[in-house]
Amino acid sequence: MTQVKSLATDGYSAIQVTAGSKKASRVAKPQAGEFAKAGVEAGRGHWEFRSEGSEEAFEVGGAITVERFEEGQKVDVTGTSKGKGFQGGVKRWNFSMQDATHGNSISHRSNGSIGQNQTPGRVFKGKKMSGQMGNAQVTTQNLEIVRVDAERNLLLIKGAVPGAPGGNIIVRPAVKA
């Protein structure tokens, strides 16, 4: 834990945390100062979470462990999905492919029509097209905790945890459970 924000000093209650470790030479000087002030080793990421007035339970330099969770509890898991690069409409949005024959020579996997006519004379915002797929923040809701290993500080979660192996994830109690 790198900082505890309180309602009196900051106007809202929150905690700032870091996880993992990072070479000191790879940390920007402003962040290095924050980590040094808190007396913690520089981590891979830096996150802030609202604490809803319970900042007395936290102290700077302390650790947050998996003991806050219990088996069978429902959680929401947030992470960065695997990046797939620039993809077409067939892969990205599950568009149907066009005919393989019957006069179609080059547009088998193209989108097709993207609008109407002179009216409205433009393409509406949000139109599904080709583009970057993945590498975006994704939250999977209502996953179940199968086991809590307090010794190794590990959670065993059943379901689709977003992201590549070794990626950073945020585990919160489920909102819709």
C-alpha atoms as a PDB file:
ATOM      1  CA  MET A   1       0.000   0.000   0.000  1.00  0.00           C
ATOM      2  CA  THR A   2       1.576   3.275  -1.087  1.00  0.00           C
ATOM      3  CA  GLN A   3      -0.930   5.862   0.158  1.00  0.00           C
ATOM      4  CA  VAL A   4      -4.108   6.103   2.213  1.00  0.00           C
ATOM      5  CA  LYS A   5      -6.359   9.025   1.283  1.00  0.00           C
ATOM      6  CA  SER A   6      -8.878  10.320   3.815  1.00  0.00           C
ATOM      7  CA  LEU A   7     -11.998  12.442   3.596  1.00  0.00           C
ATOM      8  CA  ALA A   8     -10.437  15.156   5.774  1.00  0.00           C
ATOM      9  CA  THR A   9      -7.220  15.683   3.780  1.00  0.00           C
ATOM     10  CA  ASP A  10      -8.113  14.639   0.213  1.00  0.00           C
ATOM     11  CA  GLY A  11     -11.887  15.075   0.020  1.00  0.00           C
ATOM     12  CA  TYR A  12     -12.521  11.360  -0.535  1.00  0.00           C
ATOM     13  CA  SER A  13     -11.513   8.013   0.977  1.00  0.00           C
ATOM     14  CA  ALA A  14      -9.240   5.767  -1.076  1.00  0.00           C
ATOM     15  CA  ILE A  15      -6.136   3.603  -0.990  1.00  0.00           C
ATOM     16  CA  GLN A  16      -3.310   3.419  -3.529  1.00  0.00           C
ATOM     17  CA  VAL A  17      -1.624   0.063  -4.041  1.00  0.00           C
ATOM     18  CA  THR A  18       1.160  -1.461  -6.107  1.00  0.00           C
ATOM     19  CA  ALA A  19       1.930  -5.084  -6.934  1.00  0.00           C
ATOM     20  CA  GLY A  20       4.891  -7.103  -8.126  1.00  0.00           C
ATOM     21  CA  SER A  21       8.360  -5.655  -8.493  1.00  0.00           C
ATOM     22  CA  LYS A  22      10.185  -3.514 -11.021  1.00  0.00           C
ATOM     23  CA  LYS A  23      13.817  -2.471 -11.510  1.00  0.00           C
ATOM     24  CA  ALA A  24      14.562   0.867  -9.856  1.00  0.00           C
ATOM     25  CA  SER A  25      16.081   2.123 -13.128  1.00  0.00           C
ATOM     26  CA  ARG A  26      12.751   1.507 -14.901  1.00  0.00           C
ATOM     27  CA  VAL A  27      10.670   3.674 -12.542  1.00  0.00           C
ATOM     28  CA  ALA A  28      10.008   7.358 -13.319  1.00  0.00           C
ATOM     29  CA  LYS A  29      11.356   9.734 -10.670  1.00  0.00           C
ATOM     30  CA  PRO A  30       7.949  11.040  -9.489  1.00  0.00           C
ATOM     31  CA  GLN A  31       6.716   7.467  -8.901  1.00  0.00           C
ATOM     32  CA  ALA A  32      10.047   6.498  -7.307  1.00  0.00           C
ATOM     33  CA  GLY A  33       9.525   9.330  -4.817  1.00  0.00           C
ATOM     34  CA  GLU A  34       6.029   8.062  -3.973  1.00  0.00           C
ATOM     35  CA  PHE A  35       7.309   4.522  -3.413  1.00  0.00           C
ATOM     36  CA  ALA A  36      10.236   5.766  -1.292  1.00  0.00           C
ATOM     37  CA  LYS A  37       7.929   7.926   0.853  1.00  0.00           C
ATOM     38  CA  ALA A  38       5.687   4.915   1.477  1.00  0.00           C
ATOM     39  CA  GLY A  39       8.702   2.692   2.171  1.00  0.00           C
ATOM     40  CA  VAL A  40       7.704   0.042  -0.375  1.00  0.00           C
ATOM     41  CA  GLU A  41       9.473  -1.517  -3.346  1.00  0.00           C
ATOM     42  CA  ALA A  42       8.501  -0.193  -6.782  1.00  0.00           C
ATOM     43  CA  GLY A  43       5.802  -2.354  -8.365  1.00  0.00           C
ATOM     44  CA  ARG A  44       4.591  -3.216 -11.875  1.00  0.00           C
ATOM     45  CA  GLY A  45       1.466  -1.093 -11.591  1.00  0.00           C
ATOM     46  CA  HIS A  46      -0.131   1.602  -9.449  1.00  0.00           C
ATOM     47  CA  TRP A  47      -3.885   1.547  -8.728  1.00  0.00           C
ATOM     48  CA  GLU A  48      -6.293   3.538  -6.594  1.00  0.00           C
ATOM     49  CA  PHE A  49      -9.469   2.114  -5.054  1.00  0.00           C
ATOM     50  CA  ARG A  50     -12.217   3.922  -3.169  1.00  0.00           C
ATOM     51  CA  SER A  51     -12.419   2.676   0.421  1.00  0.00           C
ATOM     52  CA  GLU A  52     -15.803   4.133   1.489  1.00  0.00           C
ATOM     53  CA  GLY A  53     -14.681   5.650   4.799  1.00  0.00           C
ATOM     54  CA  SER A  54     -12.854   2.582   6.124  1.00  0.00           C
ATOM     55  CA  GLU A  55      -9.309   3.921   5.691  1.00  0.00           C
ATOM     56  CA  GLU A  56      -8.555   3.300   9.391  1.00  0.00           C
ATOM     57  CA  ALA A  57      -8.193  -0.412   8.560  1.00  0.00           C
ATOM     58  CA  PHE A  58      -5.313   0.333   6.162  1.00  0.00           C
ATOM     59  CA  GLU A  59      -1.786   1.578   6.785  1.00  0.00           C
ATOM     60  CA  VAL A  60       0.897   2.790   4.382  1.00  0.00           C
ATOM     61  CA  GLY A  61       3.412   0.045   3.624  1.00  0.00           C
ATOM     62  CA  GLY A  62       0.930  -2.679   4.594  1.00  0.00           C
ATOM     63  CA  ALA A  63      -0.090  -5.563   2.367  1.00  0.00           C
ATOM     64  CA  ILE A  64      -3.491  -6.649   1.085  1.00  0.00           C
ATOM     65  CA  THR A  65      -3.750 -10.440   1.101  1.00  0.00           C
ATOM     66  CA  VAL A  66      -6.215 -12.998  -0.247  1.00  0.00           C
ATOM     67  CA  GLU A  67      -7.525 -13.606   3.279  1.00  0.00           C
ATOM     68  CA  ARG A  68     -10.168 -10.952   2.517  1.00  0.00           C
ATOM     69  CA  PHE A  69     -11.871 -13.519   0.261  1.00  0.00           C
ATOM     70  CA  GLU A  70     -13.518 -16.848   1.087  1.00  0.00           C
ATOM     71  CA  GLU A  71     -14.325 -20.024  -0.820  1.00  0.00           C
ATOM     72  CA  GLY A  72     -17.600 -19.930  -2.741  1.00  0.00           C
ATOM     73  CA  GLN A  73     -17.653 -16.121  -2.835  1.00  0.00           C
ATOM     74  CA  LYS A  74     -18.693 -14.461  -6.106  1.00  0.00           C
ATOM     75  CA  VAL A  75     -16.241 -11.902  -7.515  1.00  0.00           C
ATOM     76  CA  ASP A  76     -15.808  -9.586 -10.502  1.00  0.00           C
ATOM     77  CA  VAL A  77     -12.413  -9.874 -12.232  1.00  0.00           C
ATOM     78  CA  THR A  78     -11.025  -6.979 -14.305  1.00  0.00           C
ATOM     79  CA  GLY A  79      -8.029  -7.313 -16.619  1.00  0.00           C
ATOM     80  CA  THR A  80      -6.651  -6.400 -20.033  1.00  0.00           C
ATOM     81  CA  SER A  81      -7.799  -8.801 -22.748  1.00  0.00           C
ATOM     82  CA  LYS A  82      -5.309 -10.461 -25.082  1.00  0.00           C
ATOM     83  CA  GLY A  83      -4.442  -8.203 -28.017  1.00  0.00           C
ATOM     84  CA  LYS A  84      -5.326  -9.633 -31.444  1.00  0.00           C
ATOM     85  CA  GLY A  85      -4.040  -6.773 -33.598  1.00  0.00           C
ATOM     86  CA  PHE A  86      -5.932  -5.215 -36.524  1.00  0.00           C
ATOM     87  CA  GLN A  87      -8.789  -7.555 -37.473  1.00  0.00           C
ATOM     88  CA  GLY A  88     -11.547  -7.499 -40.077  1.00  0.00           C
ATOM     89  CA  GLY A  89     -15.288  -7.501 -39.482  1.00  0.00           C
ATOM     90  CA  VAL A  90     -15.674 -11.285 -39.834  1.00  0.00           C
ATOM     91  CA  LYS A  91     -13.341 -12.023 -36.923  1.00  0.00           C
ATOM     92  CA  ARG A  92     -13.952  -8.900 -34.821  1.00  0.00           C
ATOM     93  CA  TRP A  93     -17.767  -8.701 -34.994  1.00  0.00           C
ATOM     94  CA  ASN A  94     -18.767 -12.165 -36.316  1.00  0.00           C
ATOM     95  CA  PHE A  95     -20.056 -10.722 -39.605  1.00  0.00           C
ATOM     96  CA  SER A  96     -21.202 -13.268 -42.190  1.00  0.00           C
ATOM     97  CA  MET A  97     -18.896 -13.853 -45.124  1.00  0.00           C
ATOM     98  CA  GLN A  98     -20.064 -13.021 -48.623  1.00  0.00           C
ATOM     99  CA  ASP A  99     -20.455 -15.567 -51.414  1.00  0.00           C
ATOM    100  CA  ALA A 100     -17.352 -17.500 -52.402  1.00  0.00           C
ATOM    101  CA  THR A 101     -18.549 -17.636 -56.035  1.00  0.00           C
ATOM    102  CA  HIS A 102     -21.514 -16.321 -58.091  1.00  0.00           C
ATOM    103  CA  GLY A 103     -19.566 -13.389 -59.456  1.00  0.00           C
ATOM    104  CA  ASN A 104     -17.837 -12.339 -56.240  1.00  0.00           C
ATOM    105  CA  SER A 105     -14.140 -12.036 -56.993  1.00  0.00           C
ATOM    106  CA  ILE A 106     -12.378 -10.019 -54.260  1.00  0.00           C
ATOM    107  CA  SER A 107     -14.772  -9.142 -51.433  1.00  0.00           C
ATOM    108  CA  HIS A 108     -15.383 -12.488 -49.728  1.00  0.00           C
ATOM    109  CA  ARG A 109     -14.581 -11.203 -46.216  1.00  0.00           C
ATOM    110  CA  SER A 110     -15.463  -7.508 -46.576  1.00  0.00           C
ATOM    111  CA  ASN A 111     -18.074  -5.711 -44.445  1.00  0.00           C
ATOM    112  CA  GLY A 112     -20.640  -4.938 -47.115  1.00  0.00           C
ATOM    113  CA  SER A 113     -22.795  -1.814 -46.884  1.00  0.00           C
ATOM    114  CA  ILE A 114     -21.914   0.685 -44.150  1.00  0.00           C
ATOM    115  CA  GLY A 115     -24.780   3.160 -44.554  1.00  0.00           C
ATOM    116  CA  GLN A 116     -27.917   4.272 -46.386  1.00  0.00           C
ATOM    117  CA  ASN A 117     -28.146   6.863 -49.178  1.00  0.00           C
ATOM    118  CA  GLN A 118     -27.891  10.614 -49.760  1.00  0.00           C
ATOM    119  CA  THR A 119     -29.971  10.858 -46.622  1.00  0.00           C
ATOM    120  CA  PRO A 120     -28.293  10.752 -44.099  1.00  0.00           C
ATOM    121  CA  GLY A 121     -25.228  10.975 -46.374  1.00  0.00           C
ATOM    122  CA  ARG A 122     -22.818   9.876 -43.661  1.00  0.00           C
ATOM    123  CA  VAL A 123     -21.767   6.833 -41.657  1.00  0.00           C
ATOM    124  CA  PHE A 124     -23.227   6.737 -38.155  1.00  0.00           C
ATOM    125  CA  LYS A 125     -20.845   6.831 -35.209  1.00  0.00           C
ATOM    126  CA  GLY A 126     -20.151   3.461 -33.630  1.00  0.00           C
ATOM    127  CA  LYS A 127     -20.543   1.532 -36.897  1.00  0.00           C
ATOM    128  CA  LYS A 128     -18.927  -1.874 -36.546  1.00  0.00           C
ATOM    129  CA  MET A 129     -15.886  -1.984 -38.801  1.00  0.00           C
ATOM    130  CA  SER A 130     -12.392  -3.417 -39.000  1.00  0.00           C
ATOM    131  CA  GLY A 131      -9.915  -2.255 -36.363  1.00  0.00           C
ATOM    132  CA  GLN A 132      -7.880  -3.062 -33.261  1.00  0.00           C
ATOM    133  CA  MET A 133      -9.253  -6.133 -31.493  1.00  0.00           C
ATOM    134  CA  GLY A 134      -8.493  -6.968 -27.877  1.00  0.00           C
ATOM    135  CA  ASN A 135      -5.960  -5.189 -25.641  1.00  0.00           C
ATOM    136  CA  ALA A 136      -8.831  -3.457 -23.835  1.00  0.00           C
ATOM    137  CA  GLN A 137     -10.087  -3.486 -20.248  1.00  0.00           C
ATOM    138  CA  VAL A 138     -12.580  -6.308 -19.692  1.00  0.00           C
ATOM    139  CA  THR A 139     -14.569  -7.209 -16.560  1.00  0.00           C
ATOM    140  CA  THR A 140     -15.961 -10.722 -16.139  1.00  0.00           C
ATOM    141  CA  GLN A 141     -18.724 -10.745 -13.543  1.00  0.00           C
ATOM    142  CA  ASN A 142     -19.883 -13.319 -10.981  1.00  0.00           C
ATOM    143  CA  LEU A 143     -16.948 -15.725 -11.063  1.00  0.00           C
ATOM    144  CA  GLU A 144     -16.687 -18.155  -8.167  1.00  0.00           C
ATOM    145  CA  ILE A 145     -13.690 -18.524  -5.856  1.00  0.00           C
ATOM    146  CA  VAL A 146     -12.921 -22.244  -5.633  1.00  0.00           C
ATOM    147  CA  ARG A 147     -10.001 -22.096  -3.195  1.00  0.00           C
ATOM    148  CA  VAL A 148      -8.090 -19.508  -1.155  1.00  0.00           C
ATOM    149  CA  ASP A 149      -4.414 -20.392  -0.574  1.00  0.00           C
ATOM    150  CA  ALA A 150      -3.307 -17.979   2.161  1.00  0.00           C
ATOM    151  CA  GLU A 151       0.200 -19.500   2.390  1.00  0.00           C
ATOM    152  CA  ARG A 152       1.109 -18.659  -1.211  1.00  0.00           C
ATOM    153  CA  ASN A 153      -1.323 -15.694  -1.422  1.00  0.00           C
ATOM    154  CA  LEU A 154      -3.216 -17.257  -4.363  1.00  0.00           C
ATOM    155  CA  LEU A 155      -6.864 -17.363  -5.434  1.00  0.00           C
ATOM    156  CA  LEU A 156      -8.261 -20.216  -7.531  1.00  0.00           C
ATOM    157  CA  ILE A 157     -11.096 -18.730  -9.607  1.00  0.00           C
ATOM    158  CA  LYS A 158     -13.524 -20.741 -11.739  1.00  0.00           C
ATOM    159  CA  GLY A 159     -14.366 -19.119 -15.075  1.00  0.00           C
ATOM    160  CA  ALA A 160     -13.008 -16.851 -17.786  1.00  0.00           C
ATOM    161  CA  VAL A 161     -10.356 -14.636 -16.195  1.00  0.00           C
ATOM    162  CA  PRO A 162      -9.487 -11.934 -18.771  1.00  0.00           C
ATOM    163  CA  GLY A 163      -5.950 -11.427 -20.058  1.00  0.00           C
ATOM    164  CA  ALA A 164      -2.783 -13.292 -20.857  1.00  0.00           C
ATOM    165  CA  PRO A 165      -1.000 -15.478 -18.269  1.00  0.00           C
ATOM    166  CA  GLY A 166       1.028 -13.312 -15.907  1.00  0.00           C
ATOM    167  CA  GLY A 167      -1.086 -10.201 -16.545  1.00  0.00           C
ATOM    168  CA  ASN A 168      -2.364  -7.879 -13.823  1.00  0.00           C
ATOM    169  CA  ILE A 169      -5.955  -8.414 -12.705  1.00  0.00           C
ATOM    170  CA  ILE A 170      -8.210  -6.749 -10.141  1.00  0.00           C
ATOM    171  CA  VAL A 171     -10.498  -8.982  -8.070  1.00  0.00           C
ATOM    172  CA  ARG A 172     -13.483  -7.304  -6.375  1.00  0.00           C
ATOM    173  CA  PRO A 173     -16.560  -8.658  -4.574  1.00  0.00           C
ATOM    174  CA  ALA A 174     -19.328  -9.152  -7.143  1.00  0.00           C
ATOM    175  CA  VAL A 175     -21.679  -6.231  -7.738  1.00  0.00           C
ATOM    176  CA  LYS A 176     -24.596  -8.301  -9.082  1.00  0.00           C
ATOM    177  CA  ALA A 177     -24.269 -11.390  -6.858  1.00  0.00           C
END
